[in-house]
Amino acid sequence: GFAARCCCGGGRGAAPLGGVWGGAPGFCYLKGWRMSGFVEEIRPIDDCLEAASKSLGFPWDVKERRVSLQDALGARSSRDIRAPEPYPPFTRSLRDGYALDHSNTIGASAASPVFLRMAGEVMMGEEPSFELSGEETAAIPTGGILPNGADAVVMIEDTTVSCGWVEVRKAVQRNENLVCKGEEVAVGDVLIKNGDLIGCAVPGMLGSFGISEADVQDVKIGIISTGDEIVPVSESPPVGFIRDANTNIIQSVLRRYGWVSLSYGIVSDEWHKLKARTDEALAECDVVLLSGGSSVGMRDNTAKIMSALASPGLVVRGINMTPGKPTLIGGSSDEKKLIVGLPGHPLSCMTTAIFVVMPLLLAMSGVSSSSSHAGRYMELVLADDVQGRAGADEFIPMRVEKNRAHPMAAKSGYVSAARDADGFIRLRPNTETLRKGENAEVWIW
């Protein structure tokens, strides 16, 4: 055997992943010393996200700011927004025609029409000054307010007007050709839920209720790229160096799903430099994302930084997913700080940003579990075979053509793997291979 210890300070016989040691909830790891470094026990992605959320005490009371509807576009609501009034605010006609009591049209047909007396005309934008009684009707335009005494509208093409009488050649039902007051939205109905992404259709809807401003999440997110071989995109890299793709990848994913971020630049793998830059970002931000430096090894300074944080510190060291296995999750529940270490390879970084960072941000801000992921999950028929590896969640870029999912060959280091993709195929740990024509679980961005 080997001497086992727990990252939270336990000795021989420490609790396994997801266990409790010394009364403190969180993740603990059995570490076996080998020549290549530590051996880590890793768990499925869903287990890691759930345990991280519990350890960090999600949800948190995230900061918010009030903005105009146009400035709210692309942001996430920080609270439920409820309807202050019904919609429509009055019962109105959906057709040009004649308002009437539907019971007066029973049995009406082209061969046996009914005749109703013209009582007036509803003017657009005006409340009718009259009401209908007996066998009366009134002309009404599309959008006109229904007069009292009427409960339906017969379309103009089913009528003929002559000498103050309206010939009705078709029977109608109660509420036919109408939209009733409060039919779509009642007072107090939720228009936007906490955490919802405010898309292009939302400002117009809110404006219809007289709402001109919205409270949106004001989560400050900092991004740090790590690595001695990384240079800014504006530079021409020497042999053995590469430009920083990950900052743009992470910022684009965040922006796509409702969060704005700030880059803290590139930092070398040296401990004191990385620690200083991370401390700077943590002091100014609620969330810090570091790309690179998250693989298990002697230079894993990202894990050391997380371990030094106030409780719970380092929560997850490695996730049973591919790409993205060397992901780190940590933070402080007391200080309300979240820190995630993303892999350095571009496709791994993007996969982790979508399937780890996004759910964590949503859980942090209190979004319901039914909406705990960005994008849309669905099933599509596979256009080609997919060869996976049983035992891990695997994410494979794919494009959609004619309602079929076409898997795309890609390696974790590719920078263009997702350029032509519409999303990912997700193979669960118990699925190794899917054949052409079978249904696959896909995620669409």
Protein backbone atom coordinates (compact mmCIF):
# COMPACT_ATOMS: atom_id res chain seq x y z
CA GLY A 1 0.00 0.00 0.00
CA PHE A 2 0.89 3.64 0.16
CA ALA A 3 0.47 6.38 2.68
CA ALA A 4 -2.80 8.13 1.88
CA ARG A 5 -3.67 11.64 2.92
CA CYS A 6 -6.61 13.96 2.36
CA CYS A 7 -6.20 17.41 0.83
CA CYS A 8 -8.13 18.89 3.76
CA GLY A 9 -5.51 17.59 6.18
CA GLY A 10 -6.66 14.05 6.89
CA GLY A 11 -4.26 11.18 7.45
CA ARG A 12 -4.35 7.54 6.52
CA GLY A 13 -7.84 6.37 5.67
CA ALA A 14 -9.22 9.76 4.62
CA ALA A 15 -12.68 10.00 3.08
CA PRO A 16 -13.08 9.34 -0.67
CA LEU A 17 -14.31 11.86 -3.21
CA GLY A 18 -17.54 13.48 -2.15
CA GLY A 19 -17.18 12.26 1.45
CA VAL A 20 -16.97 14.08 4.76
CA TRP A 21 -13.82 14.22 6.87
CA GLY A 22 -13.52 15.86 10.23
CA GLY A 23 -17.06 17.21 9.96
CA ALA A 24 -16.31 19.43 6.95
CA PRO A 25 -18.35 18.72 3.80
CA GLY A 26 -16.68 18.79 0.42
CA PHE A 27 -14.39 16.79 -1.81
CA CYS A 28 -11.48 14.84 -0.40
CA TYR A 29 -8.99 12.92 -2.45
CA LEU A 30 -6.93 9.82 -1.87
CA LYS A 31 -3.46 10.61 -3.21
CA GLY A 32 -0.94 7.92 -4.03
CA TRP A 33 2.62 9.10 -4.60
CA ARG A 34 4.06 7.90 -7.91
CA MET A 35 7.01 8.97 -9.99
CA SER A 36 4.74 10.92 -12.34
CA GLY A 37 2.97 12.75 -9.53
CA PHE A 38 -0.29 12.20 -7.70
CA VAL A 39 -3.06 9.77 -8.59
CA GLU A 40 -6.45 11.47 -8.34
CA GLU A 41 -9.86 9.86 -8.02
CA ILE A 42 -12.24 11.68 -10.34
CA ARG A 43 -16.03 11.62 -10.62
CA PRO A 44 -18.65 12.26 -13.34
CA ILE A 45 -19.30 15.85 -14.37
CA ASP A 46 -22.83 16.01 -12.93
CA ASP A 47 -21.62 14.72 -9.55
CA CYS A 48 -18.79 17.25 -9.52
CA LEU A 49 -21.07 20.17 -10.35
CA GLU A 50 -23.61 19.18 -7.71
CA ALA A 51 -21.01 18.69 -5.01
CA ALA A 52 -19.20 21.92 -5.91
CA SER A 53 -22.46 23.86 -5.70
CA LYS A 54 -23.20 22.40 -2.27
CA SER A 55 -19.68 22.98 -0.97
CA LEU A 56 -19.70 26.60 -2.13
CA GLY A 57 -23.16 27.22 -0.71
CA PHE A 58 -24.89 28.11 -3.97
CA PRO A 59 -26.98 30.07 -4.69
CA TRP A 60 -25.35 33.33 -3.69
CA ASP A 61 -26.95 36.76 -3.56
CA VAL A 62 -25.32 38.08 -6.71
CA LYS A 63 -24.98 41.80 -7.26
CA GLU A 64 -27.31 43.53 -9.69
CA ARG A 65 -27.65 46.79 -11.58
CA ARG A 66 -30.63 48.54 -13.15
CA VAL A 67 -30.35 49.31 -16.86
CA SER A 68 -32.57 50.39 -19.73
CA LEU A 69 -34.27 47.68 -21.76
CA GLN A 70 -31.87 48.17 -24.66
CA ASP A 71 -28.85 47.91 -22.37
CA ALA A 72 -30.38 44.79 -20.81
CA LEU A 73 -30.26 42.95 -24.14
CA GLY A 74 -27.92 39.97 -23.83
CA ALA A 75 -27.73 40.16 -20.03
CA ARG A 76 -29.36 37.92 -17.42
CA SER A 77 -32.20 39.04 -15.24
CA SER A 78 -31.33 39.20 -11.55
CA ARG A 79 -34.89 38.67 -10.35
CA ASP A 80 -38.37 37.61 -11.41
CA ILE A 81 -40.20 40.32 -13.34
CA ARG A 82 -43.99 40.11 -12.94
CA ALA A 83 -46.79 41.62 -14.97
CA PRO A 84 -48.18 44.79 -13.32
CA GLU A 85 -51.35 44.61 -15.43
CA PRO A 86 -53.22 42.10 -17.59
CA TYR A 87 -52.52 41.63 -21.27
CA PRO A 88 -54.36 42.42 -23.37
CA PRO A 89 -55.61 45.25 -21.14
CA PHE A 90 -59.07 44.99 -22.76
CA THR A 91 -61.02 42.50 -24.85
CA ARG A 92 -60.41 43.27 -28.51
CA SER A 93 -61.27 42.00 -31.95
CA LEU A 94 -58.91 39.86 -34.01
CA ARG A 95 -60.78 40.58 -37.26
CA ASP A 96 -62.53 43.34 -39.17
CA GLY A 97 -66.20 42.54 -38.79
CA TYR A 98 -69.19 42.97 -36.52
CA ALA A 99 -69.38 42.60 -32.75
CA LEU A 100 -72.44 40.73 -31.52
CA ASP A 101 -73.95 38.31 -29.05
CA HIS A 102 -73.08 34.89 -30.42
CA SER A 103 -76.49 33.49 -29.45
CA ASN A 104 -78.06 35.71 -32.11
CA THR A 105 -76.22 33.77 -34.83
CA ILE A 106 -77.35 30.26 -33.94
CA GLY A 107 -78.31 28.44 -37.15
CA ALA A 108 -77.08 31.24 -39.43
CA SER A 109 -75.89 30.12 -42.86
CA ALA A 110 -75.74 31.34 -46.46
CA ALA A 111 -79.07 29.64 -47.12
CA SER A 112 -80.62 30.90 -43.89
CA PRO A 113 -79.01 34.16 -42.75
CA VAL A 114 -79.98 36.16 -39.68
CA PHE A 115 -80.48 39.94 -39.69
CA LEU A 116 -79.20 42.21 -36.91
CA ARG A 117 -79.79 45.93 -36.45
CA MET A 118 -76.69 48.17 -36.79
CA ALA A 119 -76.24 49.95 -33.44
CA GLY A 120 -73.02 51.87 -34.15
CA GLU A 121 -69.37 51.65 -35.02
CA VAL A 122 -66.38 51.04 -32.78
CA MET A 123 -63.60 53.53 -33.52
CA MET A 124 -59.96 52.42 -33.26
CA GLY A 125 -58.35 53.58 -30.03
CA GLU A 126 -61.65 54.62 -28.45
CA GLU A 127 -63.77 52.92 -25.83
CA PRO A 128 -67.30 52.35 -27.23
CA SER A 129 -69.83 54.85 -25.89
CA PHE A 130 -72.70 52.42 -26.43
CA GLU A 131 -73.61 48.85 -25.57
CA LEU A 132 -75.49 46.21 -27.51
CA SER A 133 -78.83 44.78 -26.53
CA GLY A 134 -81.32 42.46 -28.16
CA GLU A 135 -80.59 41.68 -31.79
CA GLU A 136 -78.01 44.43 -32.34
CA THR A 137 -74.51 44.50 -33.79
CA ALA A 138 -71.73 47.06 -34.30
CA ALA A 139 -68.97 47.43 -36.86
CA ILE A 140 -65.53 46.82 -35.32
CA PRO A 141 -61.96 46.98 -36.74
CA THR A 142 -59.13 44.59 -35.94
CA GLY A 143 -57.84 45.63 -32.50
CA GLY A 144 -61.02 47.49 -31.60
CA ILE A 145 -62.43 47.34 -28.06
CA LEU A 146 -65.38 44.99 -27.77
CA PRO A 147 -68.54 46.85 -26.66
CA ASN A 148 -70.59 45.66 -23.70
CA GLY A 149 -73.28 43.19 -24.72
CA ALA A 150 -71.08 41.47 -27.31
CA ASP A 151 -69.13 38.23 -26.84
CA ALA A 152 -67.95 37.42 -30.38
CA VAL A 153 -67.10 38.92 -33.77
CA VAL A 154 -68.30 37.69 -37.13
CA MET A 155 -65.86 38.39 -39.98
CA ILE A 156 -66.82 41.05 -42.50
CA GLU A 157 -66.71 38.59 -45.43
CA ASP A 158 -69.54 36.60 -43.84
CA THR A 159 -71.86 39.62 -43.78
CA THR A 160 -73.64 42.14 -45.99
CA VAL A 161 -74.84 45.58 -44.85
CA SER A 162 -78.01 47.17 -46.21
CA CYS A 163 -80.20 50.02 -44.93
CA GLY A 164 -79.01 49.81 -41.32
CA TRP A 165 -79.26 46.01 -41.16
CA VAL A 166 -76.44 43.45 -41.19
CA GLU A 167 -77.03 40.10 -42.89
CA VAL A 168 -75.03 37.41 -41.06
CA ARG A 169 -74.41 34.22 -43.04
CA LYS A 170 -72.33 32.25 -40.54
CA ALA A 171 -72.81 31.22 -36.91
CA VAL A 172 -70.04 32.04 -34.42
CA GLN A 173 -69.14 30.71 -30.98
CA ARG A 174 -68.60 32.65 -27.77
CA ASN A 175 -65.20 34.47 -27.85
CA GLU A 176 -64.70 33.64 -31.52
CA ASN A 177 -62.38 36.11 -33.29
CA LEU A 178 -61.57 37.75 -29.95
CA VAL A 179 -58.63 37.94 -27.57
CA CYS A 180 -60.02 38.51 -24.10
CA LYS A 181 -58.71 40.81 -21.37
CA GLY A 182 -55.90 39.03 -19.50
CA GLU A 183 -56.15 36.01 -21.78
CA GLU A 184 -52.40 35.95 -22.52
CA VAL A 185 -51.01 37.34 -19.25
CA ALA A 186 -52.74 37.85 -15.90
CA VAL A 187 -51.66 40.36 -13.26
CA GLY A 188 -48.74 38.89 -11.33
CA ASP A 189 -47.70 36.36 -13.98
CA VAL A 190 -43.93 35.95 -14.31
CA LEU A 191 -42.69 37.57 -17.52
CA ILE A 192 -38.99 36.89 -16.94
CA LYS A 193 -37.52 34.53 -14.36
CA ASN A 194 -34.42 35.13 -12.29
CA GLY A 195 -31.42 34.14 -14.38
CA ASP A 196 -33.23 34.21 -17.73
CA LEU A 197 -31.23 35.47 -20.68
CA ILE A 198 -32.81 38.66 -22.03
CA GLY A 199 -33.04 37.99 -25.74
CA CYS A 200 -34.21 40.21 -28.60
CA ALA A 201 -37.91 39.44 -28.01
CA VAL A 202 -37.90 40.40 -24.33
CA PRO A 203 -37.55 44.22 -24.39
CA GLY A 204 -40.63 44.59 -26.60
CA MET A 205 -42.66 42.34 -24.31
CA LEU A 206 -41.61 44.21 -21.17
CA GLY A 207 -42.27 47.54 -22.86
CA SER A 208 -45.85 46.42 -23.51
CA PHE A 209 -46.37 46.44 -19.75
CA GLY A 210 -44.84 49.87 -19.23
CA ILE A 211 -41.58 48.42 -17.95
CA SER A 212 -38.70 50.56 -19.23
CA GLU A 213 -35.85 49.23 -17.06
CA ALA A 214 -34.68 45.85 -15.83
CA ASP A 215 -32.46 44.59 -13.01
CA VAL A 216 -29.70 42.43 -14.42
CA GLN A 217 -26.89 40.40 -12.88
CA ASP A 218 -23.69 42.32 -12.24
CA VAL A 219 -21.31 39.41 -11.80
CA LYS A 220 -17.69 40.45 -12.28
CA ILE A 221 -15.66 37.75 -14.04
CA GLY A 222 -11.89 37.89 -14.55
CA ILE A 223 -9.93 35.74 -17.00
CA ILE A 224 -6.26 34.83 -16.71
CA SER A 225 -4.30 32.87 -19.32
CA THR A 226 -1.36 30.97 -17.88
CA GLY A 227 1.72 29.45 -19.45
CA ASP A 228 5.32 30.30 -20.24
CA GLU A 229 4.67 29.56 -23.93
CA ILE A 230 1.68 31.91 -24.39
CA VAL A 231 1.98 35.31 -26.09
CA PRO A 232 -0.67 37.96 -26.86
CA VAL A 233 -2.59 37.64 -30.14
CA SER A 234 -0.97 40.82 -31.41
CA GLU A 235 2.53 39.31 -31.30
CA SER A 236 4.35 37.03 -33.70
CA PRO A 237 5.27 34.02 -31.56
CA PRO A 238 8.81 32.56 -31.63
CA VAL A 239 9.20 28.85 -32.34
CA GLY A 240 7.65 26.87 -29.50
CA PHE A 241 5.27 29.65 -28.47
CA ILE A 242 1.58 30.07 -29.35
CA ARG A 243 -0.85 32.96 -29.30
CA ASP A 244 -3.48 33.20 -26.58
CA ALA A 245 -6.70 31.74 -28.03
CA ASN A 246 -8.35 30.86 -24.74
CA THR A 247 -9.11 34.35 -23.49
CA ASN A 248 -11.19 35.04 -26.60
CA ILE A 249 -12.81 31.61 -26.39
CA ILE A 250 -13.91 32.09 -22.79
CA GLN A 251 -15.03 35.69 -23.27
CA SER A 252 -17.08 34.73 -26.34
CA VAL A 253 -18.82 31.87 -24.56
CA LEU A 254 -19.57 34.08 -21.55
CA ARG A 255 -20.89 36.89 -23.74
CA ARG A 256 -23.06 34.51 -25.73
CA TYR A 257 -24.80 33.39 -22.55
CA GLY A 258 -25.19 36.65 -20.69
CA TRP A 259 -21.99 37.53 -18.83
CA VAL A 260 -19.35 40.18 -19.42
CA SER A 261 -15.74 39.49 -18.44
CA LEU A 262 -12.41 41.29 -18.06
CA SER A 263 -9.05 39.93 -19.18
CA TYR A 264 -6.18 40.07 -16.70
CA GLY A 265 -3.70 39.12 -19.38
CA ILE A 266 -1.14 36.36 -19.61
CA VAL A 267 0.89 35.14 -16.63
CA SER A 268 3.80 32.74 -16.57
CA ASP A 269 3.67 29.51 -14.59
CA GLU A 270 5.95 30.92 -11.89
CA TRP A 271 4.28 30.63 -8.51
CA HIS A 272 4.73 34.17 -7.21
CA LYS A 273 3.61 35.80 -10.49
CA LEU A 274 0.54 33.60 -10.86
CA LYS A 275 -0.39 34.03 -7.20
CA ALA A 276 -0.09 37.82 -7.38
CA ARG A 277 -2.20 38.13 -10.53
CA THR A 278 -4.85 35.74 -9.20
CA ASP A 279 -5.05 37.63 -5.91
CA GLU A 280 -5.53 40.84 -7.87
CA ALA A 281 -8.37 39.33 -9.90
CA LEU A 282 -10.02 37.77 -6.83
CA ALA A 283 -9.96 41.12 -5.04
CA GLU A 284 -11.85 42.76 -7.91
CA CYS A 285 -14.04 39.94 -9.23
CA ASP A 286 -16.64 37.47 -8.07
CA VAL A 287 -15.42 34.75 -10.43
CA VAL A 288 -11.91 34.08 -11.72
CA LEU A 289 -11.24 31.72 -14.63
CA LEU A 290 -7.71 30.50 -15.32
CA SER A 291 -6.91 28.65 -18.52
CA GLY A 292 -3.90 26.37 -18.61
CA GLY A 293 -1.93 25.16 -15.63
CA SER A 294 -4.70 22.79 -14.55
CA SER A 295 -3.09 19.47 -15.42
CA VAL A 296 -1.90 17.20 -12.64
CA GLY A 297 1.84 17.68 -12.22
CA MET A 298 4.64 19.25 -10.25
CA ARG A 299 3.85 22.74 -11.58
CA ASP A 300 0.19 22.69 -10.73
CA ASN A 301 0.18 26.08 -9.06
CA THR A 302 -3.47 26.71 -9.87
CA ALA A 303 -4.47 23.91 -7.50
CA LYS A 304 -2.16 25.34 -4.82
CA ILE A 305 -3.84 28.74 -5.14
CA MET A 306 -7.29 27.20 -4.74
CA SER A 307 -6.19 25.10 -1.78
CA ALA A 308 -5.05 28.26 0.01
CA LEU A 309 -8.49 29.88 -0.20
CA ALA A 310 -10.85 30.05 2.76
CA SER A 311 -13.33 27.19 3.12
CA PRO A 312 -13.90 25.12 1.08
CA GLY A 313 -10.80 25.95 -1.02
CA LEU A 314 -10.02 23.36 -3.70
CA VAL A 315 -13.21 21.40 -4.31
CA VAL A 316 -12.73 19.47 -7.54
CA ARG A 317 -9.43 18.30 -8.99
CA GLY A 318 -10.24 16.58 -12.26
CA ILE A 319 -13.57 15.62 -13.84
CA ASN A 320 -14.41 12.37 -15.61
CA MET A 321 -15.04 14.06 -18.96
CA THR A 322 -13.26 14.34 -22.27
CA PRO A 323 -12.08 16.75 -23.35
CA GLY A 324 -11.69 18.71 -20.12
CA LYS A 325 -10.54 16.10 -17.62
CA PRO A 326 -7.95 18.30 -15.79
CA THR A 327 -10.53 20.90 -14.71
CA LEU A 328 -10.24 22.45 -11.26
CA ILE A 329 -13.03 24.02 -9.20
CA GLY A 330 -12.59 25.93 -5.98
CA GLY A 331 -13.58 29.02 -4.10
CA SER A 332 -14.66 30.51 -0.81
CA SER A 333 -18.25 30.33 0.39
CA ASP A 334 -17.58 32.98 3.06
CA GLU A 335 -16.08 35.51 0.66
CA LYS A 336 -18.41 34.51 -2.20
CA LYS A 337 -15.59 33.80 -4.64
CA LEU A 338 -15.61 31.13 -7.37
CA ILE A 339 -12.45 30.08 -9.20
CA VAL A 340 -12.22 27.55 -12.05
CA GLY A 341 -9.09 26.22 -13.72
CA LEU A 342 -9.76 25.35 -17.34
CA PRO A 343 -7.51 23.16 -19.51
CA GLY A 344 -5.09 24.87 -21.88
CA HIS A 345 -6.02 23.13 -25.14
CA PRO A 346 -8.55 25.29 -27.02
CA LEU A 347 -11.27 22.67 -27.59
CA SER A 348 -10.90 21.44 -24.00
CA CYS A 349 -11.13 25.02 -22.79
CA MET A 350 -14.30 25.69 -24.78
CA THR A 351 -15.94 22.42 -23.69
CA THR A 352 -15.18 23.19 -20.04
CA ALA A 353 -16.46 26.77 -20.38
CA ILE A 354 -19.78 25.48 -21.71
CA PHE A 355 -20.36 22.36 -19.63
CA VAL A 356 -18.69 23.35 -16.34
CA VAL A 357 -18.45 27.13 -16.05
CA MET A 358 -21.93 27.85 -17.42
CA PRO A 359 -23.78 25.48 -15.02
CA LEU A 360 -21.74 26.83 -12.10
CA LEU A 361 -22.64 30.44 -12.94
CA LEU A 362 -26.30 29.53 -13.26
CA ALA A 363 -26.29 27.62 -9.98
CA MET A 364 -24.43 30.49 -8.31
CA SER A 365 -27.12 32.96 -9.36
CA GLY A 366 -30.03 30.75 -8.29
CA VAL A 367 -31.37 29.55 -11.62
CA SER A 368 -33.71 26.56 -11.21
CA SER A 369 -32.25 23.11 -11.82
CA SER A 370 -34.50 22.68 -14.87
CA SER A 371 -32.56 25.52 -16.54
CA SER A 372 -29.13 24.68 -15.16
CA HIS A 373 -27.39 24.59 -18.52
CA ALA A 374 -26.91 27.06 -21.32
CA GLY A 375 -28.12 26.30 -24.82
CA ARG A 376 -30.60 23.54 -25.66
CA TYR A 377 -30.50 19.80 -25.16
CA MET A 378 -32.38 17.55 -27.58
CA GLU A 379 -32.16 14.25 -29.40
CA LEU A 380 -31.21 13.99 -33.06
CA VAL A 381 -30.61 11.04 -35.37
CA LEU A 382 -26.92 10.39 -36.07
CA ALA A 383 -25.73 10.73 -39.65
CA ASP A 384 -22.55 8.68 -38.92
CA ASP A 385 -21.19 6.30 -36.32
CA VAL A 386 -19.68 7.77 -33.16
CA GLN A 387 -16.86 5.90 -31.47
CA GLY A 388 -16.49 6.85 -27.84
CA ARG A 389 -14.75 5.58 -24.73
CA ALA A 390 -16.95 4.02 -22.08
CA GLY A 391 -16.63 5.35 -18.54
CA ALA A 392 -16.54 9.11 -19.15
CA ASP A 393 -18.76 11.89 -20.43
CA GLU A 394 -17.49 12.61 -23.92
CA PHE A 395 -18.28 15.74 -25.93
CA ILE A 396 -17.88 15.60 -29.71
CA PRO A 397 -18.38 18.64 -31.97
CA MET A 398 -21.18 18.17 -34.49
CA ARG A 399 -23.12 20.08 -37.11
CA VAL A 400 -26.81 19.75 -37.93
CA GLU A 401 -27.95 19.08 -41.49
CA LYS A 402 -31.48 18.00 -42.43
CA ASN A 403 -32.31 17.31 -38.76
CA ARG A 404 -29.40 14.90 -38.41
CA ALA A 405 -26.31 15.22 -36.23
CA HIS A 406 -23.04 14.94 -38.14
CA PRO A 407 -20.08 14.23 -35.82
CA MET A 408 -16.88 16.14 -36.60
CA ALA A 409 -13.38 14.81 -36.05
CA ALA A 410 -11.43 16.96 -33.60
CA LYS A 411 -8.58 16.81 -31.09
CA SER A 412 -8.43 18.82 -27.89
CA GLY A 413 -5.63 21.02 -29.23
CA TYR A 414 -7.52 22.09 -32.35
CA VAL A 415 -8.41 25.79 -32.55
CA SER A 416 -10.92 25.49 -35.42
CA ALA A 417 -12.76 22.38 -34.24
CA ALA A 418 -15.95 24.25 -33.31
CA ARG A 419 -15.88 26.80 -36.15
CA ASP A 420 -18.39 24.92 -38.32
CA ALA A 421 -20.13 23.14 -35.45
CA ASP A 422 -23.66 23.78 -34.17
CA GLY A 423 -22.99 22.15 -30.83
CA PHE A 424 -21.80 18.89 -29.26
CA ILE A 425 -22.87 15.27 -29.14
CA ARG A 426 -22.78 14.08 -25.56
CA LEU A 427 -21.93 10.44 -24.85
CA ARG A 428 -22.79 9.46 -21.31
CA PRO A 429 -20.34 7.29 -19.29
CA ASN A 430 -22.36 4.14 -19.96
CA THR A 431 -22.29 4.68 -23.75
CA GLU A 432 -19.25 3.69 -25.78
CA THR A 433 -20.54 3.65 -29.37
CA LEU A 434 -23.57 4.99 -31.20
CA ARG A 435 -24.41 3.82 -34.69
CA LYS A 436 -25.66 5.75 -37.68
CA GLY A 437 -29.46 6.07 -37.45
CA GLU A 438 -29.56 5.91 -33.64
CA ASN A 439 -30.68 8.84 -31.53
CA ALA A 440 -27.96 10.89 -29.88
CA GLU A 441 -28.13 13.44 -27.08
CA VAL A 442 -26.97 16.73 -28.54
CA TRP A 443 -26.37 20.19 -27.16
CA ILE A 444 -27.09 23.14 -29.47
CA TRP A 445 -25.62 26.57 -28.87
